[in-house]
Amino acid sequence: MRTTFTVLSLAAIIAFICCQSAGAVAINAAAIRQTAAAPSAVQQAQYYERHTRYHVTKCYRELVVGPYVCHRFHRW
């Protein structure tokens, strides 16, 4: 029983330490606006859109690396 309690306590402490986030730190509104306005290079690399006469083809990657997944959307 003591061993089980020790292992569970250690797991809880490790989980608490690993799940701490730096995102909870308060920052000013100007920094938030600047970050939101800047385009992300990763997002641009993962998304591709092509317009044709009858449809729009949107291709994106589900992960950073890997093949594109493409879907066609018909224009009205």
PDB file of N, CA and C in Angstrom:
ATOM      1  N   MET A   1       0.815  -1.187   0.000  1.00  0.00           N
ATOM      2  CA  MET A   1       0.000   0.000   0.000  1.00  0.00           C
ATOM      3  C   MET A   1       0.863   1.257   0.000  1.00  0.00           C
ATOM      4  N   ARG A   2       1.920   1.226   0.768  1.00  0.00           N
ATOM      5  CA  ARG A   2       2.815   2.377   0.841  1.00  0.00           C
ATOM      6  C   ARG A   2       3.501   2.610  -0.505  1.00  0.00           C
ATOM      7  N   THR A   3       3.891   1.518  -1.183  1.00  0.00           N
ATOM      8  CA  THR A   3       4.545   1.633  -2.489  1.00  0.00           C
ATOM      9  C   THR A   3       3.584   2.220  -3.520  1.00  0.00           C
ATOM     10  N   THR A   4       2.355   1.760  -3.507  1.00  0.00           N
ATOM     11  CA  THR A   4       1.352   2.270  -4.442  1.00  0.00           C
ATOM     12  C   THR A   4       1.113   3.760  -4.211  1.00  0.00           C
ATOM     13  N   PHE A   5       0.982   4.147  -2.961  1.00  0.00           N
ATOM     14  CA  PHE A   5       0.776   5.558  -2.635  1.00  0.00           C
ATOM     15  C   PHE A   5       1.967   6.392  -3.072  1.00  0.00           C
ATOM     16  N   THR A   6       3.182   5.899  -2.883  1.00  0.00           N
ATOM     17  CA  THR A   6       4.386   6.631  -3.279  1.00  0.00           C
ATOM     18  C   THR A   6       4.453   6.805  -4.791  1.00  0.00           C
ATOM     19  N   VAL A   7       4.153   5.726  -5.519  1.00  0.00           N
ATOM     20  CA  VAL A   7       4.192   5.793  -6.989  1.00  0.00           C
ATOM     21  C   VAL A   7       3.125   6.754  -7.506  1.00  0.00           C
ATOM     22  N   LEU A   8       1.921   6.694  -6.976  1.00  0.00           N
ATOM     23  CA  LEU A   8       0.867   7.610  -7.413  1.00  0.00           C
ATOM     24  C   LEU A   8       1.189   9.058  -7.053  1.00  0.00           C
ATOM     25  N   SER A   9       1.777   9.283  -5.930  1.00  0.00           N
ATOM     26  CA  SER A   9       2.176  10.643  -5.549  1.00  0.00           C
ATOM     27  C   SER A   9       3.250  11.182  -6.483  1.00  0.00           C
ATOM     28  N   LEU A  10       4.217  10.343  -6.796  1.00  0.00           N
ATOM     29  CA  LEU A  10       5.286  10.755  -7.718  1.00  0.00           C
ATOM     30  C   LEU A  10       4.719  11.046  -9.102  1.00  0.00           C
ATOM     31  N   ALA A  11       3.794  10.213  -9.576  1.00  0.00           N
ATOM     32  CA  ALA A  11       3.167  10.445 -10.883  1.00  0.00           C
ATOM     33  C   ALA A  11       2.372  11.747 -10.881  1.00  0.00           C
ATOM     34  N   ALA A  12       1.688  12.043  -9.797  1.00  0.00           N
ATOM     35  CA  ALA A  12       0.918  13.286  -9.706  1.00  0.00           C
ATOM     36  C   ALA A  12       1.832  14.509  -9.703  1.00  0.00           C
ATOM     37  N   ILE A  13       2.949  14.423  -9.020  1.00  0.00           N
ATOM     38  CA  ILE A  13       3.904  15.534  -8.984  1.00  0.00           C
ATOM     39  C   ILE A  13       4.505  15.769 -10.359  1.00  0.00           C
ATOM     40  N   ILE A  14       4.877  14.693 -11.050  1.00  0.00           N
ATOM     41  CA  ILE A  14       5.446  14.825 -12.397  1.00  0.00           C
ATOM     42  C   ILE A  14       4.414  15.403 -13.352  1.00  0.00           C
ATOM     43  N   ALA A  15       3.174  14.947 -13.269  1.00  0.00           N
ATOM     44  CA  ALA A  15       2.117  15.469 -14.136  1.00  0.00           C
ATOM     45  C   ALA A  15       1.872  16.948 -13.863  1.00  0.00           C
ATOM     46  N   PHE A  16       1.904  17.338 -12.616  1.00  0.00           N
ATOM     47  CA  PHE A  16       1.698  18.751 -12.257  1.00  0.00           C
ATOM     48  C   PHE A  16       2.818  19.620 -12.809  1.00  0.00           C
ATOM     49  N   ILE A  17       4.053  19.150 -12.729  1.00  0.00           N
ATOM     50  CA  ILE A  17       5.196  19.919 -13.229  1.00  0.00           C
ATOM     51  C   ILE A  17       5.169  20.009 -14.749  1.00  0.00           C
ATOM     52  N   CYS A  18       4.838  18.913 -15.417  1.00  0.00           N
ATOM     53  CA  CYS A  18       4.850  18.893 -16.878  1.00  0.00           C
ATOM     54  C   CYS A  18       3.701  19.677 -17.497  1.00  0.00           C
ATOM     55  N   CYS A  19       2.610  19.834 -16.808  1.00  0.00           N
ATOM     56  CA  CYS A  19       1.436  20.489 -17.371  1.00  0.00           C
ATOM     57  C   CYS A  19       1.398  21.984 -17.112  1.00  0.00           C
ATOM     58  N   GLN A  20       2.400  22.532 -16.491  1.00  0.00           N
ATOM     59  CA  GLN A  20       2.432  23.967 -16.258  1.00  0.00           C
ATOM     60  C   GLN A  20       2.631  24.690 -17.584  1.00  0.00           C
ATOM     61  N   SER A  21       1.951  25.793 -17.772  1.00  0.00           N
ATOM     62  CA  SER A  21       1.987  26.525 -19.026  1.00  0.00           C
ATOM     63  C   SER A  21       2.500  27.941 -18.807  1.00  0.00           C
ATOM     64  N   ALA A  22       3.318  28.403 -19.728  1.00  0.00           N
ATOM     65  CA  ALA A  22       3.787  29.785 -19.679  1.00  0.00           C
ATOM     66  C   ALA A  22       2.756  30.732 -20.282  1.00  0.00           C
ATOM     67  N   GLY A  23       1.707  30.196 -20.898  1.00  0.00           N
ATOM     68  CA  GLY A  23       0.668  31.011 -21.496  1.00  0.00           C
ATOM     69  C   GLY A  23      -0.185  31.737 -20.481  1.00  0.00           C
ATOM     70  N   ALA A  24      -0.085  31.400 -19.229  1.00  0.00           N
ATOM     71  CA  ALA A  24      -0.888  32.042 -18.203  1.00  0.00           C
ATOM     72  C   ALA A  24      -0.299  33.376 -17.758  1.00  0.00           C
ATOM     73  N   VAL A  25       0.860  33.721 -18.256  1.00  0.00           N
ATOM     74  CA  VAL A  25       1.509  34.976 -17.886  1.00  0.00           C
ATOM     75  C   VAL A  25       0.803  36.123 -18.605  1.00  0.00           C
ATOM     76  N   ALA A  26       0.457  37.169 -17.892  1.00  0.00           N
ATOM     77  CA  ALA A  26      -0.232  38.313 -18.476  1.00  0.00           C
ATOM     78  C   ALA A  26       0.734  39.131 -19.324  1.00  0.00           C
ATOM     79  N   ILE A  27       0.294  39.515 -20.534  1.00  0.00           N
ATOM     80  CA  ILE A  27       1.086  40.381 -21.405  1.00  0.00           C
ATOM     81  C   ILE A  27       0.197  41.532 -21.862  1.00  0.00           C
ATOM     82  N   ASN A  28       0.801  42.518 -22.470  1.00  0.00           N
ATOM     83  CA  ASN A  28       0.035  43.696 -22.860  1.00  0.00           C
ATOM     84  C   ASN A  28      -0.727  43.461 -24.166  1.00  0.00           C
ATOM     85  N   ALA A  29      -1.709  44.308 -24.443  1.00  0.00           N
ATOM     86  CA  ALA A  29      -2.579  44.156 -25.607  1.00  0.00           C
ATOM     87  C   ALA A  29      -1.828  44.381 -26.912  1.00  0.00           C
ATOM     88  N   ALA A  30      -0.823  45.225 -26.938  1.00  0.00           N
ATOM     89  CA  ALA A  30      -0.066  45.490 -28.171  1.00  0.00           C
ATOM     90  C   ALA A  30       0.677  44.238 -28.624  1.00  0.00           C
ATOM     91  N   ALA A  31       1.209  43.494 -27.687  1.00  0.00           N
ATOM     92  CA  ALA A  31       1.915  42.271 -28.046  1.00  0.00           C
ATOM     93  C   ALA A  31       0.960  41.223 -28.590  1.00  0.00           C
ATOM     94  N   ILE A  32      -0.252  41.161 -28.064  1.00  0.00           N
ATOM     95  CA  ILE A  32      -1.250  40.212 -28.561  1.00  0.00           C
ATOM     96  C   ILE A  32      -1.650  40.573 -29.983  1.00  0.00           C
ATOM     97  N   ARG A  33      -1.883  41.864 -30.253  1.00  0.00           N
ATOM     98  CA  ARG A  33      -2.248  42.297 -31.600  1.00  0.00           C
ATOM     99  C   ARG A  33      -1.134  42.009 -32.600  1.00  0.00           C
ATOM    100  N   GLN A  34       0.108  42.250 -32.209  1.00  0.00           N
ATOM    101  CA  GLN A  34       1.243  42.018 -33.096  1.00  0.00           C
ATOM    102  C   GLN A  34       1.397  40.534 -33.402  1.00  0.00           C
ATOM    103  N   THR A  35       1.216  39.698 -32.420  1.00  0.00           N
ATOM    104  CA  THR A  35       1.321  38.260 -32.632  1.00  0.00           C
ATOM    105  C   THR A  35       0.186  37.759 -33.507  1.00  0.00           C
ATOM    106  N   ALA A  36      -1.007  38.265 -33.326  1.00  0.00           N
ATOM    107  CA  ALA A  36      -2.150  37.828 -34.120  1.00  0.00           C
ATOM    108  C   ALA A  36      -2.035  38.285 -35.566  1.00  0.00           C
ATOM    109  N   ALA A  37      -1.404  39.434 -35.818  1.00  0.00           N
ATOM    110  CA  ALA A  37      -1.283  39.964 -37.170  1.00  0.00           C
ATOM    111  C   ALA A  37      -0.169  39.291 -37.965  1.00  0.00           C
ATOM    112  N   ALA A  38       0.818  38.737 -37.306  1.00  0.00           N
ATOM    113  CA  ALA A  38       1.943  38.115 -38.002  1.00  0.00           C
ATOM    114  C   ALA A  38       1.525  36.760 -38.567  1.00  0.00           C
ATOM    115  N   PRO A  39       1.783  36.527 -39.871  1.00  0.00           N
ATOM    116  CA  PRO A  39       1.417  35.230 -40.459  1.00  0.00           C
ATOM    117  C   PRO A  39       2.342  34.126 -39.962  1.00  0.00           C
ATOM    118  N   SER A  40       1.808  32.960 -39.822  1.00  0.00           N
ATOM    119  CA  SER A  40       2.578  31.815 -39.352  1.00  0.00           C
ATOM    120  C   SER A  40       3.172  31.071 -40.544  1.00  0.00           C
ATOM    121  N   ALA A  41       4.480  30.828 -40.522  1.00  0.00           N
ATOM    122  CA  ALA A  41       5.134  30.097 -41.611  1.00  0.00           C
ATOM    123  C   ALA A  41       4.701  28.644 -41.629  1.00  0.00           C
ATOM    124  N   VAL A  42       4.437  28.075 -40.471  1.00  0.00           N
ATOM    125  CA  VAL A  42       3.995  26.677 -40.423  1.00  0.00           C
ATOM    126  C   VAL A  42       2.614  26.543 -41.027  1.00  0.00           C
ATOM    127  N   GLN A  43       1.719  27.480 -40.732  1.00  0.00           N
ATOM    128  CA  GLN A  43       0.370  27.418 -41.267  1.00  0.00           C
ATOM    129  C   GLN A  43       0.393  27.578 -42.785  1.00  0.00           C
ATOM    130  N   GLN A  44       1.249  28.444 -43.317  1.00  0.00           N
ATOM    131  CA  GLN A  44       1.333  28.629 -44.752  1.00  0.00           C
ATOM    132  C   GLN A  44       1.857  27.375 -45.442  1.00  0.00           C
ATOM    133  N   ALA A  45       2.750  26.658 -44.807  1.00  0.00           N
ATOM    134  CA  ALA A  45       3.306  25.453 -45.405  1.00  0.00           C
ATOM    135  C   ALA A  45       2.313  24.306 -45.381  1.00  0.00           C
ATOM    136  N   GLN A  46       1.345  24.330 -44.490  1.00  0.00           N
ATOM    137  CA  GLN A  46       0.413  23.228 -44.355  1.00  0.00           C
ATOM    138  C   GLN A  46      -0.867  23.415 -45.159  1.00  0.00           C
ATOM    139  N   TYR A  47      -1.094  24.535 -45.800  1.00  0.00           N
ATOM    140  CA  TYR A  47      -2.359  24.812 -46.476  1.00  0.00           C
ATOM    141  C   TYR A  47      -2.102  25.297 -47.896  1.00  0.00           C
ATOM    142  N   TYR A  48      -2.894  24.785 -48.851  1.00  0.00           N
ATOM    143  CA  TYR A  48      -2.773  25.186 -50.241  1.00  0.00           C
ATOM    144  C   TYR A  48      -4.172  25.257 -50.831  1.00  0.00           C
ATOM    145  N   GLU A  49      -4.453  26.305 -51.579  1.00  0.00           N
ATOM    146  CA  GLU A  49      -5.771  26.478 -52.174  1.00  0.00           C
ATOM    147  C   GLU A  49      -5.622  26.852 -53.643  1.00  0.00           C
ATOM    148  N   ARG A  50      -6.410  26.187 -54.503  1.00  0.00           N
ATOM    149  CA  ARG A  50      -6.338  26.454 -55.941  1.00  0.00           C
ATOM    150  C   ARG A  50      -7.753  26.692 -56.461  1.00  0.00           C
ATOM    151  N   HIS A  51      -7.930  27.791 -57.197  1.00  0.00           N
ATOM    152  CA  HIS A  51      -9.229  28.137 -57.765  1.00  0.00           C
ATOM    153  C   HIS A  51      -9.261  27.720 -59.225  1.00  0.00           C
ATOM    154  N   THR A  52     -10.340  27.089 -59.644  1.00  0.00           N
ATOM    155  CA  THR A  52     -10.581  26.785 -61.046  1.00  0.00           C
ATOM    156  C   THR A  52     -11.933  27.371 -61.432  1.00  0.00           C
ATOM    157  N   ARG A  53     -12.366  27.088 -62.632  1.00  0.00           N
ATOM    158  CA  ARG A  53     -13.608  27.680 -63.097  1.00  0.00           C
ATOM    159  C   ARG A  53     -14.831  27.136 -62.350  1.00  0.00           C
ATOM    160  N   TYR A  54     -14.835  25.851 -62.064  1.00  0.00           N
ATOM    161  CA  TYR A  54     -16.021  25.235 -61.488  1.00  0.00           C
ATOM    162  C   TYR A  54     -15.901  24.859 -60.011  1.00  0.00           C
ATOM    163  N   HIS A  55     -14.700  24.811 -59.479  1.00  0.00           N
ATOM    164  CA  HIS A  55     -14.552  24.416 -58.081  1.00  0.00           C
ATOM    165  C   HIS A  55     -13.287  25.014 -57.475  1.00  0.00           C
ATOM    166  N   VAL A  56     -13.197  24.882 -56.174  1.00  0.00           N
ATOM    167  CA  VAL A  56     -12.020  25.304 -55.424  1.00  0.00           C
ATOM    168  C   VAL A  56     -11.438  24.046 -54.790  1.00  0.00           C
ATOM    169  N   THR A  57     -10.146  23.835 -54.981  1.00  0.00           N
ATOM    170  CA  THR A  57      -9.471  22.695 -54.375  1.00  0.00           C
ATOM    171  C   THR A  57      -8.658  23.205 -53.197  1.00  0.00           C
ATOM    172  N   LYS A  58      -8.933  22.642 -52.030  1.00  0.00           N
ATOM    173  CA  LYS A  58      -8.197  23.018 -50.828  1.00  0.00           C
ATOM    174  C   LYS A  58      -7.412  21.800 -50.358  1.00  0.00           C
ATOM    175  N   CYS A  59      -6.099  21.975 -50.237  1.00  0.00           N
ATOM    176  CA  CYS A  59      -5.218  20.903 -49.796  1.00  0.00           C
ATOM    177  C   CYS A  59      -4.524  21.350 -48.512  1.00  0.00           C
ATOM    178  N   TYR A  60      -4.432  20.442 -47.587  1.00  0.00           N
ATOM    179  CA  TYR A  60      -3.765  20.756 -46.332  1.00  0.00           C
ATOM    180  C   TYR A  60      -3.102  19.506 -45.783  1.00  0.00           C
ATOM    181  N   ARG A  61      -2.162  19.703 -44.906  1.00  0.00           N
ATOM    182  CA  ARG A  61      -1.489  18.604 -44.234  1.00  0.00           C
ATOM    183  C   ARG A  61      -2.057  18.468 -42.832  1.00  0.00           C
ATOM    184  N   GLU A  62      -2.319  17.237 -42.431  1.00  0.00           N
ATOM    185  CA  GLU A  62      -2.826  17.025 -41.088  1.00  0.00           C
ATOM    186  C   GLU A  62      -1.720  17.155 -40.056  1.00  0.00           C
ATOM    187  N   LEU A  63      -0.486  16.858 -40.433  1.00  0.00           N
ATOM    188  CA  LEU A  63       0.670  17.032 -39.576  1.00  0.00           C
ATOM    189  C   LEU A  63       1.647  17.966 -40.276  1.00  0.00           C
ATOM    190  N   VAL A  64       2.744  18.302 -39.641  1.00  0.00           N
ATOM    191  CA  VAL A  64       3.733  19.187 -40.250  1.00  0.00           C
ATOM    192  C   VAL A  64       4.365  18.516 -41.453  1.00  0.00           C
ATOM    193  N   VAL A  65       4.607  17.233 -41.371  1.00  0.00           N
ATOM    194  CA  VAL A  65       5.138  16.470 -42.493  1.00  0.00           C
ATOM    195  C   VAL A  65       4.097  15.451 -42.903  1.00  0.00           C
ATOM    196  N   GLY A  66       4.148  15.045 -44.157  1.00  0.00           N
ATOM    197  CA  GLY A  66       3.203  14.049 -44.633  1.00  0.00           C
ATOM    198  C   GLY A  66       2.524  14.524 -45.899  1.00  0.00           C
ATOM    199  N   PRO A  67       1.721  13.664 -46.485  1.00  0.00           N
ATOM    200  CA  PRO A  67       1.070  14.023 -47.747  1.00  0.00           C
ATOM    201  C   PRO A  67      -0.073  15.009 -47.543  1.00  0.00           C
ATOM    202  N   TYR A  68      -0.386  15.738 -48.616  1.00  0.00           N
ATOM    203  CA  TYR A  68      -1.507  16.649 -48.586  1.00  0.00           C
ATOM    204  C   TYR A  68      -2.809  15.864 -48.698  1.00  0.00           C
ATOM    205  N   VAL A  69      -3.842  16.346 -48.024  1.00  0.00           N
ATOM    206  CA  VAL A  69      -5.194  15.817 -48.142  1.00  0.00           C
ATOM    207  C   VAL A  69      -5.989  16.881 -48.880  1.00  0.00           C
ATOM    208  N   CYS A  70      -6.535  16.529 -50.051  1.00  0.00           N
ATOM    209  CA  CYS A  70      -7.213  17.515 -50.892  1.00  0.00           C
ATOM    210  C   CYS A  70      -8.716  17.261 -50.928  1.00  0.00           C
ATOM    211  N   HIS A  71      -9.480  18.365 -50.951  1.00  0.00           N
ATOM    212  CA  HIS A  71     -10.936  18.311 -51.047  1.00  0.00           C
ATOM    213  C   HIS A  71     -11.377  19.326 -52.085  1.00  0.00           C
ATOM    214  N   ARG A  72     -12.399  18.959 -52.865  1.00  0.00           N
ATOM    215  CA  ARG A  72     -12.972  19.868 -53.859  1.00  0.00           C
ATOM    216  C   ARG A  72     -14.265  20.446 -53.344  1.00  0.00           C
ATOM    217  N   PHE A  73     -14.418  21.746 -53.519  1.00  0.00           N
ATOM    218  CA  PHE A  73     -15.639  22.432 -53.169  1.00  0.00           C
ATOM    219  C   PHE A  73     -16.178  23.112 -54.419  1.00  0.00           C
ATOM    220  N   HIS A  74     -17.406  22.794 -54.807  1.00  0.00           N
ATOM    221  CA  HIS A  74     -17.994  23.340 -56.028  1.00  0.00           C
ATOM    222  C   HIS A  74     -18.469  24.754 -55.791  1.00  0.00           C
ATOM    223  N   ARG A  75     -18.269  25.601 -56.791  1.00  0.00           N
ATOM    224  CA  ARG A  75     -18.750  26.980 -56.721  1.00  0.00           C
ATOM    225  C   ARG A  75     -20.205  27.011 -57.108  1.00  0.00           C
ATOM    226  N   TRP A  76     -20.944  27.955 -56.554  1.00  0.00           N
ATOM    227  CA  TRP A  76     -22.376  28.087 -56.874  1.00  0.00           C
ATOM    228  C   TRP A  76     -22.594  29.180 -57.849  1.00  0.00           C
TER     229      TRP A  76
END
